[in-house]
C-alpha atoms as a PDB file:
ATOM      1  CA  UNK A   1      14.799 -40.030 -28.207  1.00  0.00           C
ATOM      2  CA  UNK A   2      15.194 -40.971 -24.567  1.00  0.00           C
ATOM      3  CA  UNK A   3      12.939 -39.518 -21.918  1.00  0.00           C
ATOM      4  CA  UNK A   4      14.400 -36.799 -19.774  1.00  0.00           C
ATOM      5  CA  UNK A   5      13.588 -36.532 -16.100  1.00  0.00           C
ATOM      6  CA  UNK A   6      12.684 -33.127 -14.790  1.00  0.00           C
ATOM      7  CA  UNK A   7      10.770 -31.775 -11.816  1.00  0.00           C
ATOM      8  CA  UNK A   8       8.163 -29.031 -11.855  1.00  0.00           C
ATOM      9  CA  UNK A   9       7.686 -26.880  -8.777  1.00  0.00           C
ATOM     10  CA  UNK A  10       4.636 -25.026  -7.689  1.00  0.00           C
ATOM     11  CA  UNK A  11       5.029 -21.293  -7.917  1.00  0.00           C
ATOM     12  CA  UNK A  12       3.713 -18.910  -5.364  1.00  0.00           C
ATOM     13  CA  UNK A  13       0.013 -18.264  -5.759  1.00  0.00           C
ATOM     14  CA  UNK A  14      -1.845 -15.135  -4.951  1.00  0.00           C
ATOM     15  CA  UNK A  15      -3.379 -11.935  -6.249  1.00  0.00           C
ATOM     16  CA  UNK A  16      -2.019  -8.688  -7.677  1.00  0.00           C
ATOM     17  CA  UNK A  17      -3.505  -5.372  -6.621  1.00  0.00           C
ATOM     18  CA  UNK A  18      -2.999  -2.083  -8.433  1.00  0.00           C
ATOM     19  CA  UNK A  19      -2.900   0.744  -5.917  1.00  0.00           C
ATOM     20  CA  UNK A  20      -2.736   4.557  -6.204  1.00  0.00           C
ATOM     21  CA  UNK A  21      -1.548   6.119  -2.954  1.00  0.00           C
ATOM     22  CA  UNK A  22      -2.701   9.565  -1.798  1.00  0.00           C
ATOM     23  CA  UNK A  23      -0.232  10.657   0.884  1.00  0.00           C
ATOM     24  CA  UNK A  24      -0.663  13.150   3.741  1.00  0.00           C
ATOM     25  CA  UNK A  25      -4.283  12.235   4.409  1.00  0.00           C
ATOM     26  CA  UNK A  26      -6.022  12.632   7.752  1.00  0.00           C
ATOM     27  CA  UNK A  27      -6.422   8.864   8.091  1.00  0.00           C
ATOM     28  CA  UNK A  28      -5.577   5.602   6.375  1.00  0.00           C
ATOM     29  CA  UNK A  29      -8.568   4.550   4.261  1.00  0.00           C
ATOM     30  CA  UNK A  30      -9.671   3.124   0.957  1.00  0.00           C
ATOM     31  CA  UNK A  31     -10.981   6.111  -1.019  1.00  0.00           C
ATOM     32  CA  UNK A  32     -12.441   4.466  -4.134  1.00  0.00           C
ATOM     33  CA  UNK A  33     -11.963   1.909  -6.862  1.00  0.00           C
ATOM     34  CA  UNK A  34     -11.102   3.615 -10.151  1.00  0.00           C
ATOM     35  CA  UNK A  35     -12.506   2.550 -13.547  1.00  0.00           C
ATOM     36  CA  UNK A  36      -9.329   0.589 -14.349  1.00  0.00           C
ATOM     37  CA  UNK A  37      -9.700  -1.375 -11.070  1.00  0.00           C
ATOM     38  CA  UNK A  38      -6.910   0.526  -9.341  1.00  0.00           C
ATOM     39  CA  UNK A  39      -7.655   0.920  -5.645  1.00  0.00           C
ATOM     40  CA  UNK A  40      -7.139   4.488  -4.450  1.00  0.00           C
ATOM     41  CA  UNK A  41      -5.875   4.490  -0.882  1.00  0.00           C
ATOM     42  CA  UNK A  42      -5.333   7.489   1.372  1.00  0.00           C
ATOM     43  CA  UNK A  43      -2.400   7.213   3.825  1.00  0.00           C
ATOM     44  CA  UNK A  44      -1.227   9.492   6.618  1.00  0.00           C
ATOM     45  CA  UNK A  45       2.457   9.182   5.589  1.00  0.00           C
ATOM     46  CA  UNK A  46       3.966  11.895   3.408  1.00  0.00           C
ATOM     47  CA  UNK A  47       5.034  11.154  -0.153  1.00  0.00           C
ATOM     48  CA  UNK A  48       8.749  11.473   0.653  1.00  0.00           C
ATOM     49  CA  UNK A  49       8.405   9.428   3.827  1.00  0.00           C
ATOM     50  CA  UNK A  50      10.556   6.280   3.680  1.00  0.00           C
ATOM     51  CA  UNK A  51       7.805   4.568   5.635  1.00  0.00           C
ATOM     52  CA  UNK A  52       5.106   5.156   2.977  1.00  0.00           C
ATOM     53  CA  UNK A  53       5.482   1.660   1.520  1.00  0.00           C
ATOM     54  CA  UNK A  54       5.476   0.057   4.964  1.00  0.00           C
ATOM     55  CA  UNK A  55       2.383   2.103   5.954  1.00  0.00           C
ATOM     56  CA  UNK A  56       0.661   0.808   2.809  1.00  0.00           C
ATOM     57  CA  UNK A  57       1.545  -2.804   3.533  1.00  0.00           C
ATOM     58  CA  UNK A  58       0.487  -2.475   7.192  1.00  0.00           C
ATOM     59  CA  UNK A  59      -2.842  -0.966   6.163  1.00  0.00           C
ATOM     60  CA  UNK A  60      -3.487  -3.647   3.521  1.00  0.00           C
ATOM     61  CA  UNK A  61      -2.524  -6.286   6.096  1.00  0.00           C
ATOM     62  CA  UNK A  62      -5.282  -4.981   8.364  1.00  0.00           C
ATOM     63  CA  UNK A  63      -7.849  -4.732   5.503  1.00  0.00           C
ATOM     64  CA  UNK A  64      -7.102  -8.159   4.031  1.00  0.00           C
ATOM     65  CA  UNK A  65      -6.337 -10.061   7.222  1.00  0.00           C
ATOM     66  CA  UNK A  66      -2.965 -11.131   5.852  1.00  0.00           C
ATOM     67  CA  UNK A  67       0.456 -10.704   7.447  1.00  0.00           C
ATOM     68  CA  UNK A  68       2.403  -7.837   5.872  1.00  0.00           C
ATOM     69  CA  UNK A  69       5.212 -10.329   5.152  1.00  0.00           C
ATOM     70  CA  UNK A  70       2.826 -12.137   2.732  1.00  0.00           C
ATOM     71  CA  UNK A  71       2.677  -9.019   0.563  1.00  0.00           C
ATOM     72  CA  UNK A  72       5.222  -7.320  -1.625  1.00  0.00           C
ATOM     73  CA  UNK A  73       5.291  -4.138  -3.654  1.00  0.00           C
ATOM     74  CA  UNK A  74       6.562  -5.489  -6.969  1.00  0.00           C
ATOM     75  CA  UNK A  75       6.284  -2.267  -8.983  1.00  0.00           C
ATOM     76  CA  UNK A  76       6.204   1.413  -8.081  1.00  0.00           C
ATOM     77  CA  UNK A  77       8.234   1.371  -4.870  1.00  0.00           C
ATOM     78  CA  UNK A  78       9.287   4.991  -5.414  1.00  0.00           C
ATOM     79  CA  UNK A  79       6.075   6.332  -6.984  1.00  0.00           C
ATOM     80  CA  UNK A  80       2.466   6.696  -5.934  1.00  0.00           C
ATOM     81  CA  UNK A  81       1.144   4.056  -8.379  1.00  0.00           C
ATOM     82  CA  UNK A  82       2.110   0.626  -7.061  1.00  0.00           C
ATOM     83  CA  UNK A  83       1.492  -3.023  -7.784  1.00  0.00           C
ATOM     84  CA  UNK A  84       1.171  -5.177  -4.691  1.00  0.00           C
ATOM     85  CA  UNK A  85       1.173  -8.952  -4.691  1.00  0.00           C
ATOM     86  CA  UNK A  86      -0.641 -10.839  -1.926  1.00  0.00           C
ATOM     87  CA  UNK A  87       0.308 -14.469  -1.404  1.00  0.00           C
ATOM     88  CA  UNK A  88      -2.275 -17.130  -0.587  1.00  0.00           C
ATOM     89  CA  UNK A  89      -5.321 -14.978  -1.433  1.00  0.00           C
ATOM     90  CA  UNK A  90      -7.149 -15.067  -4.726  1.00  0.00           C
ATOM     91  CA  UNK A  91      -8.333 -11.965  -6.521  1.00  0.00           C
ATOM     92  CA  UNK A  92     -11.994 -12.529  -5.642  1.00  0.00           C
ATOM     93  CA  UNK A  93     -11.201 -12.706  -1.911  1.00  0.00           C
ATOM     94  CA  UNK A  94      -9.078  -9.558  -2.102  1.00  0.00           C
ATOM     95  CA  UNK A  95     -11.921  -7.759  -3.887  1.00  0.00           C
ATOM     96  CA  UNK A  96     -14.414  -8.856  -1.213  1.00  0.00           C
ATOM     97  CA  UNK A  97     -12.205  -7.479   1.579  1.00  0.00           C
ATOM     98  CA  UNK A  98     -11.644  -4.177  -0.235  1.00  0.00           C
ATOM     99  CA  UNK A  99     -15.362  -3.679  -0.906  1.00  0.00           C
ATOM    100  CA  UNK A 100     -16.280  -4.642   2.662  1.00  0.00           C
ATOM    101  CA  UNK A 101     -13.797  -2.059   4.040  1.00  0.00           C
ATOM    102  CA  UNK A 102     -15.344   0.670   1.849  1.00  0.00           C
ATOM    103  CA  UNK A 103     -18.888   0.036   3.144  1.00  0.00           C
END
């Protein structure tokens, strides 16, 4: 068998964050971390507001110190339970930022 040349490429690296959004709150804030590690976040946007997802990304951008463009909602775009990926941050760093914001 002859050897076959192929190239491997680095994938994007980052963390995934499970989020439960509570809309129509008085302010944007991290409410708590649930037993399954889902982060419960209160947002001022209403549930049917088209800007709810953008409000979430903007808030997480502020909390994590990452540009909103480095994050993506990869699951739950139309529901209140969402999965957000954050590029170039590891899970431990994300956790530290979340806990710091809660204190």
